[in-house]
Protein backbone atom coordinates (compact mmCIF):
# COMPACT_ATOMS: atom_id res chain seq x y z
CA MET A 1 0.15 32.44 20.83
CA PHE A 2 -2.84 34.44 21.85
CA LYS A 3 -2.65 36.62 24.92
CA LEU A 4 -5.89 37.42 26.62
CA LYS A 5 -6.37 39.90 29.45
CA PHE A 6 -8.68 38.78 32.21
CA LYS A 7 -10.34 40.76 34.93
CA GLN A 8 -10.07 39.64 38.52
CA LYS A 9 -13.83 39.03 38.72
CA MET A 10 -13.79 36.16 36.20
CA LYS A 11 -14.14 32.68 37.58
CA PRO A 12 -11.34 30.12 37.10
CA ASN A 13 -13.71 27.77 35.24
CA PHE A 14 -14.08 30.44 32.59
CA LEU A 15 -10.47 29.81 31.58
CA LEU A 16 -11.31 26.21 30.72
CA CYS A 17 -13.84 27.40 28.16
CA LEU A 18 -11.22 29.46 26.36
CA THR A 19 -9.06 26.59 25.26
CA LEU A 20 -8.32 26.96 21.57
CA ARG A 21 -8.36 23.85 19.41
CA ARG A 22 -6.13 23.81 16.41
CA LYS A 23 -5.89 21.12 13.82
CA HIS A 24 -2.42 20.28 12.64
CA GLY A 25 -1.34 18.81 9.35
CA ASN A 26 -2.68 18.96 5.85
CA ALA A 27 -6.43 19.66 5.81
CA VAL A 28 -6.90 17.92 2.47
CA ALA A 29 -5.15 14.78 3.73
CA ARG A 30 -7.30 14.75 6.89
CA LYS A 31 -10.50 15.01 4.84
CA LEU A 32 -9.31 12.36 2.41
CA LEU A 33 -8.47 9.88 5.18
CA TYR A 34 -11.75 10.60 6.96
CA ARG A 35 -13.71 9.86 3.80
CA ALA A 36 -11.56 6.79 3.12
CA ILE A 37 -12.77 5.23 6.36
CA GLY A 38 -16.37 5.62 5.23
CA GLN A 39 -15.54 4.05 1.88
CA ILE A 40 -13.68 1.18 3.56
CA ASP A 41 -16.70 0.59 5.78
CA ASN A 42 -19.02 0.52 2.75
CA ALA A 43 -16.70 -1.75 0.76
CA ALA A 44 -16.33 -4.19 3.66
CA LYS A 45 -19.58 -5.85 2.62
CA THR A 46 -17.85 -7.33 -0.42
CA ASN A 47 -14.14 -7.07 0.45
CA PRO A 48 -13.14 -7.93 4.02
CA CYS A 49 -10.80 -5.48 5.73
CA HIS A 50 -9.48 -5.52 9.28
CA ILE A 51 -9.89 -1.74 9.54
CA ALA A 52 -13.60 -2.03 8.75
CA ASP A 53 -13.86 -4.82 11.33
CA TYR A 54 -12.20 -2.55 13.89
CA TYR A 55 -14.48 0.37 12.99
CA GLU A 56 -17.65 -1.72 13.25
CA SER A 57 -16.64 -3.35 16.53
CA LYS A 58 -15.91 0.04 18.08
CA LYS A 59 -19.23 1.44 16.85
CA LEU A 60 -21.14 -1.49 18.32
CA SER A 61 -19.24 -1.66 21.62
CA SER A 62 -19.26 2.02 22.49
CA GLN A 63 -22.45 3.91 23.14
CA THR A 64 -20.74 7.01 24.55
CA LYS A 65 -17.96 7.69 22.05
CA GLY A 66 -18.88 9.73 19.03
CA PHE A 67 -18.47 8.34 15.56
CA LYS A 68 -15.81 10.94 14.78
CA LYS A 69 -13.54 9.69 17.57
CA ILE A 70 -13.98 6.13 16.32
CA ALA A 71 -13.25 7.27 12.77
CA ILE A 72 -10.07 9.04 13.93
CA ALA A 73 -8.92 5.86 15.70
CA SER A 74 -9.60 3.93 12.49
CA ILE A 75 -7.64 6.49 10.47
CA HIS A 76 -4.71 6.01 12.83
CA LYS A 77 -4.93 2.24 12.31
CA LEU A 78 -5.11 2.75 8.53
CA ILE A 79 -2.00 4.94 8.53
CA ARG A 80 -0.06 2.42 10.61
CA THR A 81 -1.15 -0.40 8.29
CA ILE A 82 -0.13 1.52 5.16
CA TYR A 83 3.22 2.39 6.72
CA ALA A 84 3.90 -1.25 7.67
CA LEU A 85 2.98 -2.44 4.18
CA ILE A 86 5.32 0.07 2.55
CA ILE A 87 8.23 -0.61 4.92
CA ASN A 88 7.92 -4.40 4.57
CA ASP A 89 7.15 -4.21 0.82
CA GLN A 90 4.10 -6.48 1.13
CA PRO A 91 0.66 -6.49 -0.47
CA TYR A 92 -2.37 -6.32 1.81
CA ASP A 93 -3.67 -9.68 2.97
CA TYR A 94 -6.74 -9.83 5.20
CA ASN A 95 -5.72 -13.10 6.88
CA VAL A 96 -2.26 -11.79 7.77
CA ALA A 97 -3.70 -8.49 8.98
CA THR A 98 -6.26 -10.12 11.27
CA HIS A 99 -3.61 -12.49 12.60
CA ASN A 100 -1.10 -9.71 13.37
CA GLN A 101 -3.43 -7.19 14.98
CA LYS A 102 -4.09 -6.83 18.67
CA ASP A 103 -7.35 -7.96 20.20
CA PHE A 104 -9.61 -4.98 19.52
CA SER A 105 -12.74 -6.48 21.05
CA ARG A 106 -11.88 -4.97 24.42
CA ASN A 107 -12.33 -1.24 25.01
């Protein structure tokens, strides 16, 4: 932890600006998954994928969210899908994936 000494004259809002953001986990894995979402989005033109559908619907529906937040949400969905496929020992099937997912058209 970092300990910072503050003077009495500093405003309380100044403390909000000093929040430190730290990224956890493997940096290489984070970069790989982030780039994988871009590749999935590009490949969705020829091979349908429910993660690309989710990514595109979020990009179109949200004007305020940044593309990085939408990509992170898509990465989370990708990780959950991969985990479910490994646990259930199943190959990926677009029809099954679209049938089993929640309605993502709502925000």
